[in-house]
């Protein structure tokens, strides 16, 4: 099983999504959305960014060999 996105309603009746790893760990939880279609668009935006996004290291740590 691959990681998956879960779309759900929170306690305030807002739409949210979370990215869940294969082992069940929640890796990401979205902000609240008033509309389901906007939340789904958020999922698509995260999927696209994950594929094309760069990693920027802001820690200032130097890699060790």
PDB file of N, CA and C in Angstrom:
ATOM      1  N   UNK A   1       0.840  -1.186   0.000  1.00  0.00           N
ATOM      2  CA  UNK A   1       0.000   0.000   0.000  1.00  0.00           C
ATOM      3  C   UNK A   1       0.877   1.239   0.000  1.00  0.00           C
ATOM      4  N   UNK A   2       0.569   2.190  -0.829  1.00  0.00           N
ATOM      5  CA  UNK A   2       1.304   3.452  -0.879  1.00  0.00           C
ATOM      6  C   UNK A   2       0.676   4.446   0.087  1.00  0.00           C
ATOM      7  N   UNK A   3       1.364   5.553   0.298  1.00  0.00           N
ATOM      8  CA  UNK A   3       0.792   6.632   1.095  1.00  0.00           C
ATOM      9  C   UNK A   3      -0.514   7.079   0.439  1.00  0.00           C
ATOM     10  N   UNK A   4      -1.408   7.657   1.245  1.00  0.00           N
ATOM     11  CA  UNK A   4      -2.685   8.097   0.696  1.00  0.00           C
ATOM     12  C   UNK A   4      -3.143   9.382   1.353  1.00  0.00           C
ATOM     13  N   UNK A   5      -4.034  10.062   0.657  1.00  0.00           N
ATOM     14  CA  UNK A   5      -4.670  11.263   1.185  1.00  0.00           C
ATOM     15  C   UNK A   5      -6.051  10.881   1.704  1.00  0.00           C
ATOM     16  N   UNK A   6      -6.366  11.324   2.914  1.00  0.00           N
ATOM     17  CA  UNK A   6      -7.692  11.131   3.482  1.00  0.00           C
ATOM     18  C   UNK A   6      -8.378  12.490   3.549  1.00  0.00           C
ATOM     19  N   UNK A   7      -9.571  12.581   3.000  1.00  0.00           N
ATOM     20  CA  UNK A   7     -10.387  13.789   3.051  1.00  0.00           C
ATOM     21  C   UNK A   7     -11.437  13.558   4.132  1.00  0.00           C
ATOM     22  N   UNK A   8     -11.583  14.505   5.061  1.00  0.00           N
ATOM     23  CA  UNK A   8     -12.515  14.302   6.165  1.00  0.00           C
ATOM     24  C   UNK A   8     -13.075  15.635   6.653  1.00  0.00           C
ATOM     25  N   UNK A   9     -14.106  15.544   7.477  1.00  0.00           N
ATOM     26  CA  UNK A   9     -14.706  16.719   8.113  1.00  0.00           C
ATOM     27  C   UNK A   9     -14.169  16.814   9.538  1.00  0.00           C
ATOM     28  N   UNK A  10     -13.765  18.026   9.933  1.00  0.00           N
ATOM     29  CA  UNK A  10     -13.268  18.202  11.299  1.00  0.00           C
ATOM     30  C   UNK A  10     -14.422  18.528  12.252  1.00  0.00           C
ATOM     31  N   UNK A  11     -14.106  18.788  13.507  1.00  0.00           N
ATOM     32  CA  UNK A  11     -15.125  19.038  14.526  1.00  0.00           C
ATOM     33  C   UNK A  11     -15.935  20.297  14.255  1.00  0.00           C
ATOM     34  N   UNK A  12     -15.400  21.194  13.421  1.00  0.00           N
ATOM     35  CA  UNK A  12     -16.100  22.439  13.087  1.00  0.00           C
ATOM     36  C   UNK A  12     -16.821  22.355  11.747  1.00  0.00           C
ATOM     37  N   UNK A  13     -17.004  21.138  11.236  1.00  0.00           N
ATOM     38  CA  UNK A  13     -17.667  20.898   9.947  1.00  0.00           C
ATOM     39  C   UNK A  13     -16.943  21.554   8.776  1.00  0.00           C
ATOM     40  N   UNK A  14     -15.621  21.621   8.877  1.00  0.00           N
ATOM     41  CA  UNK A  14     -14.784  22.092   7.775  1.00  0.00           C
ATOM     42  C   UNK A  14     -14.104  20.876   7.145  1.00  0.00           C
ATOM     43  N   UNK A  15     -13.758  21.024   5.878  1.00  0.00           N
ATOM     44  CA  UNK A  15     -13.063  19.951   5.171  1.00  0.00           C
ATOM     45  C   UNK A  15     -11.564  20.062   5.426  1.00  0.00           C
ATOM     46  N   UNK A  16     -10.935  18.961   5.647  1.00  0.00           N
ATOM     47  CA  UNK A  16      -9.479  18.875   5.803  1.00  0.00           C
ATOM     48  C   UNK A  16      -9.004  17.623   5.089  1.00  0.00           C
ATOM     49  N   UNK A  17      -7.696  17.591   4.823  1.00  0.00           N
ATOM     50  CA  UNK A  17      -7.110  16.361   4.327  1.00  0.00           C
ATOM     51  C   UNK A  17      -5.820  16.104   5.066  1.00  0.00           C
ATOM     52  N   UNK A  18      -5.434  14.854   5.080  1.00  0.00           N
ATOM     53  CA  UNK A  18      -4.159  14.478   5.686  1.00  0.00           C
ATOM     54  C   UNK A  18      -3.479  13.468   4.771  1.00  0.00           C
ATOM     55  N   UNK A  19      -2.162  13.497   4.782  1.00  0.00           N
ATOM     56  CA  UNK A  19      -1.355  12.538   4.041  1.00  0.00           C
ATOM     57  C   UNK A  19      -0.898  11.489   5.037  1.00  0.00           C
ATOM     58  N   UNK A  20      -1.234  10.237   4.752  1.00  0.00           N
ATOM     59  CA  UNK A  20      -0.953   9.139   5.675  1.00  0.00           C
ATOM     60  C   UNK A  20       0.033   8.176   5.011  1.00  0.00           C
ATOM     61  N   UNK A  21       1.128   7.889   5.703  1.00  0.00           N
ATOM     62  CA  UNK A  21       2.151   6.970   5.203  1.00  0.00           C
ATOM     63  C   UNK A  21       1.648   5.531   5.263  1.00  0.00           C
ATOM     64  N   UNK A  22       2.384   4.655   4.603  1.00  0.00           N
ATOM     65  CA  UNK A  22       2.026   3.234   4.576  1.00  0.00           C
ATOM     66  C   UNK A  22       1.864   2.642   5.973  1.00  0.00           C
ATOM     67  N   UNK A  23       2.682   3.116   6.922  1.00  0.00           N
ATOM     68  CA  UNK A  23       2.624   2.571   8.280  1.00  0.00           C
ATOM     69  C   UNK A  23       1.543   3.226   9.144  1.00  0.00           C
ATOM     70  N   UNK A  24       0.735   4.125   8.546  1.00  0.00           N
ATOM     71  CA  UNK A  24      -0.347   4.779   9.273  1.00  0.00           C
ATOM     72  C   UNK A  24       0.018   6.107   9.892  1.00  0.00           C
ATOM     73  N   UNK A  25       1.294   6.482   9.814  1.00  0.00           N
ATOM     74  CA  UNK A  25       1.718   7.762  10.388  1.00  0.00           C
ATOM     75  C   UNK A  25       1.169   8.920   9.570  1.00  0.00           C
ATOM     76  N   UNK A  26       0.590   9.915  10.254  1.00  0.00           N
ATOM     77  CA  UNK A  26       0.102  11.115   9.585  1.00  0.00           C
ATOM     78  C   UNK A  26       1.298  12.026   9.329  1.00  0.00           C
ATOM     79  N   UNK A  27       1.560  12.259   8.061  1.00  0.00           N
ATOM     80  CA  UNK A  27       2.728  13.042   7.661  1.00  0.00           C
ATOM     81  C   UNK A  27       2.396  14.515   7.450  1.00  0.00           C
ATOM     82  N   UNK A  28       1.145  14.814   7.161  1.00  0.00           N
ATOM     83  CA  UNK A  28       0.739  16.179   6.852  1.00  0.00           C
ATOM     84  C   UNK A  28      -0.741  16.307   7.143  1.00  0.00           C
ATOM     85  N   UNK A  29      -1.136  17.423   7.730  1.00  0.00           N
ATOM     86  CA  UNK A  29      -2.549  17.745   7.916  1.00  0.00           C
ATOM     87  C   UNK A  29      -2.780  19.138   7.351  1.00  0.00           C
ATOM     88  N   UNK A  30      -3.829  19.286   6.576  1.00  0.00           N
ATOM     89  CA  UNK A  30      -4.103  20.554   5.904  1.00  0.00           C
ATOM     90  C   UNK A  30      -4.747  21.565   6.837  1.00  0.00           C
ATOM     91  N   UNK A  31      -4.869  22.758   6.323  1.00  0.00           N
ATOM     92  CA  UNK A  31      -5.692  23.774   6.967  1.00  0.00           C
ATOM     93  C   UNK A  31      -7.156  23.395   6.756  1.00  0.00           C
ATOM     94  N   UNK A  32      -8.062  24.137   7.359  1.00  0.00           N
ATOM     95  CA  UNK A  32      -9.495  23.894   7.188  1.00  0.00           C
ATOM     96  C   UNK A  32     -10.000  24.602   5.937  1.00  0.00           C
ATOM     97  N   UNK A  33     -10.888  23.927   5.221  1.00  0.00           N
ATOM     98  CA  UNK A  33     -11.493  24.478   4.019  1.00  0.00           C
ATOM     99  C   UNK A  33     -13.014  24.476   4.192  1.00  0.00           C
ATOM    100  N   UNK A  34     -13.674  25.512   3.705  1.00  0.00           N
ATOM    101  CA  UNK A  34     -15.124  25.601   3.797  1.00  0.00           C
ATOM    102  C   UNK A  34     -15.813  24.713   2.766  1.00  0.00           C
ATOM    103  N   UNK A  35     -15.132  24.436   1.666  1.00  0.00           N
ATOM    104  CA  UNK A  35     -15.750  23.697   0.567  1.00  0.00           C
ATOM    105  C   UNK A  35     -14.922  22.473   0.187  1.00  0.00           C
ATOM    106  N   UNK A  36     -15.614  21.384  -0.101  1.00  0.00           N
ATOM    107  CA  UNK A  36     -14.957  20.130  -0.448  1.00  0.00           C
ATOM    108  C   UNK A  36     -14.096  20.261  -1.702  1.00  0.00           C
ATOM    109  N   UNK A  37     -14.596  20.945  -2.724  1.00  0.00           N
ATOM    110  CA  UNK A  37     -13.834  21.050  -3.967  1.00  0.00           C
ATOM    111  C   UNK A  37     -12.539  21.826  -3.786  1.00  0.00           C
ATOM    112  N   UNK A  38     -12.521  22.772  -2.869  1.00  0.00           N
ATOM    113  CA  UNK A  38     -11.295  23.531  -2.592  1.00  0.00           C
ATOM    114  C   UNK A  38     -10.294  22.639  -1.851  1.00  0.00           C
ATOM    115  N   UNK A  39     -10.785  21.812  -0.945  1.00  0.00           N
ATOM    116  CA  UNK A  39      -9.906  20.869  -0.249  1.00  0.00           C
ATOM    117  C   UNK A  39      -9.300  19.872  -1.232  1.00  0.00           C
ATOM    118  N   UNK A  40     -10.101  19.385  -2.168  1.00  0.00           N
ATOM    119  CA  UNK A  40      -9.590  18.460  -3.177  1.00  0.00           C
ATOM    120  C   UNK A  40      -8.562  19.148  -4.065  1.00  0.00           C
ATOM    121  N   UNK A  41      -8.792  20.396  -4.408  1.00  0.00           N
ATOM    122  CA  UNK A  41      -7.796  21.153  -5.174  1.00  0.00           C
ATOM    123  C   UNK A  41      -6.498  21.278  -4.376  1.00  0.00           C
ATOM    124  N   UNK A  42      -6.604  21.403  -3.053  1.00  0.00           N
ATOM    125  CA  UNK A  42      -5.423  21.439  -2.198  1.00  0.00           C
ATOM    126  C   UNK A  42      -4.634  20.149  -2.254  1.00  0.00           C
ATOM    127  N   UNK A  43      -5.341  19.026  -2.300  1.00  0.00           N
ATOM    128  CA  UNK A  43      -4.667  17.728  -2.431  1.00  0.00           C
ATOM    129  C   UNK A  43      -3.890  17.685  -3.735  1.00  0.00           C
ATOM    130  N   UNK A  44      -4.520  18.098  -4.817  1.00  0.00           N
ATOM    131  CA  UNK A  44      -3.834  18.092  -6.119  1.00  0.00           C
ATOM    132  C   UNK A  44      -2.618  19.014  -6.108  1.00  0.00           C
ATOM    133  N   UNK A  45      -2.725  20.161  -5.444  1.00  0.00           N
ATOM    134  CA  UNK A  45      -1.596  21.094  -5.363  1.00  0.00           C
ATOM    135  C   UNK A  45      -0.428  20.474  -4.594  1.00  0.00           C
ATOM    136  N   UNK A  46      -0.723  19.781  -3.504  1.00  0.00           N
ATOM    137  CA  UNK A  46       0.340  19.126  -2.731  1.00  0.00           C
ATOM    138  C   UNK A  46       0.984  18.018  -3.548  1.00  0.00           C
ATOM    139  N   UNK A  47       0.181  17.242  -4.250  1.00  0.00           N
ATOM    140  CA  UNK A  47       0.730  16.165  -5.089  1.00  0.00           C
ATOM    141  C   UNK A  47       1.672  16.726  -6.150  1.00  0.00           C
ATOM    142  N   UNK A  48       1.255  17.794  -6.805  1.00  0.00           N
ATOM    143  CA  UNK A  48       2.096  18.400  -7.840  1.00  0.00           C
ATOM    144  C   UNK A  48       3.378  18.974  -7.249  1.00  0.00           C
ATOM    145  N   UNK A  49       3.270  19.669  -6.131  1.00  0.00           N
ATOM    146  CA  UNK A  49       4.446  20.263  -5.498  1.00  0.00           C
ATOM    147  C   UNK A  49       5.426  19.196  -5.033  1.00  0.00           C
ATOM    148  N   UNK A  50       4.912  18.061  -4.565  1.00  0.00           N
ATOM    149  CA  UNK A  50       5.791  16.985  -4.096  1.00  0.00           C
ATOM    150  C   UNK A  50       6.629  16.423  -5.231  1.00  0.00           C
ATOM    151  N   UNK A  51       6.071  16.398  -6.426  1.00  0.00           N
ATOM    152  CA  UNK A  51       6.789  15.848  -7.580  1.00  0.00           C
ATOM    153  C   UNK A  51       7.809  16.841  -8.114  1.00  0.00           C
ATOM    154  N   UNK A  52       7.463  18.113  -8.123  1.00  0.00           N
ATOM    155  CA  UNK A  52       8.321  19.116  -8.768  1.00  0.00           C
ATOM    156  C   UNK A  52       9.108  19.978  -7.790  1.00  0.00           C
ATOM    157  N   UNK A  53       8.798  19.879  -6.515  1.00  0.00           N
ATOM    158  CA  UNK A  53       9.420  20.752  -5.524  1.00  0.00           C
ATOM    159  C   UNK A  53      10.876  20.421  -5.246  1.00  0.00           C
ATOM    160  N   UNK A  54      11.634  21.444  -4.899  1.00  0.00           N
ATOM    161  CA  UNK A  54      13.035  21.283  -4.531  1.00  0.00           C
ATOM    162  C   UNK A  54      13.164  21.207  -3.015  1.00  0.00           C
ATOM    163  N   UNK A  55      14.274  20.660  -2.568  1.00  0.00           N
ATOM    164  CA  UNK A  55      14.587  20.634  -1.146  1.00  0.00           C
ATOM    165  C   UNK A  55      15.536  21.784  -0.873  1.00  0.00           C
ATOM    166  N   UNK A  56      15.180  22.643   0.080  1.00  0.00           N
ATOM    167  CA  UNK A  56      16.032  23.755   0.470  1.00  0.00           C
ATOM    168  C   UNK A  56      16.429  23.537   1.935  1.00  0.00           C
ATOM    169  N   UNK A  57      17.713  23.366   2.180  1.00  0.00           N
ATOM    170  CA  UNK A  57      18.201  23.108   3.533  1.00  0.00           C
ATOM    171  C   UNK A  57      18.481  24.431   4.221  1.00  0.00           C
ATOM    172  N   UNK A  58      17.675  24.763   5.200  1.00  0.00           N
ATOM    173  CA  UNK A  58      17.819  26.016   5.946  1.00  0.00           C
ATOM    174  C   UNK A  58      18.436  25.781   7.320  1.00  0.00           C
ATOM    175  N   UNK A  59      18.936  24.571   7.553  1.00  0.00           N
ATOM    176  CA  UNK A  59      19.476  24.245   8.870  1.00  0.00           C
ATOM    177  C   UNK A  59      20.863  24.804   9.091  1.00  0.00           C
ATOM    178  N   UNK A  60      21.594  25.067   8.016  1.00  0.00           N
ATOM    179  CA  UNK A  60      22.966  25.532   8.140  1.00  0.00           C
ATOM    180  C   UNK A  60      23.955  24.437   8.464  1.00  0.00           C
ATOM    181  N   UNK A  61      23.480  23.209   8.543  1.00  0.00           N
ATOM    182  CA  UNK A  61      24.345  22.085   8.855  1.00  0.00           C
ATOM    183  C   UNK A  61      25.062  21.623   7.593  1.00  0.00           C
ATOM    184  N   UNK A  62      26.308  21.258   7.750  1.00  0.00           N
ATOM    185  CA  UNK A  62      27.065  20.725   6.628  1.00  0.00           C
ATOM    186  C   UNK A  62      26.906  19.217   6.611  1.00  0.00           C
ATOM    187  N   UNK A  63      26.715  18.649   5.416  1.00  0.00           N
ATOM    188  CA  UNK A  63      26.570  17.191   5.332  1.00  0.00           C
ATOM    189  C   UNK A  63      27.849  16.481   5.746  1.00  0.00           C
ATOM    190  N   UNK A  64      27.686  15.326   6.351  1.00  0.00           N
ATOM    191  CA  UNK A  64      28.841  14.504   6.716  1.00  0.00           C
ATOM    192  C   UNK A  64      28.947  13.351   5.743  1.00  0.00           C
ATOM    193  N   UNK A  65      30.153  12.968   5.446  1.00  0.00           N
ATOM    194  CA  UNK A  65      30.347  11.883   4.475  1.00  0.00           C
ATOM    195  C   UNK A  65      30.348  10.623   5.161  1.00  0.00           C
TER     196      UNK A  65
END
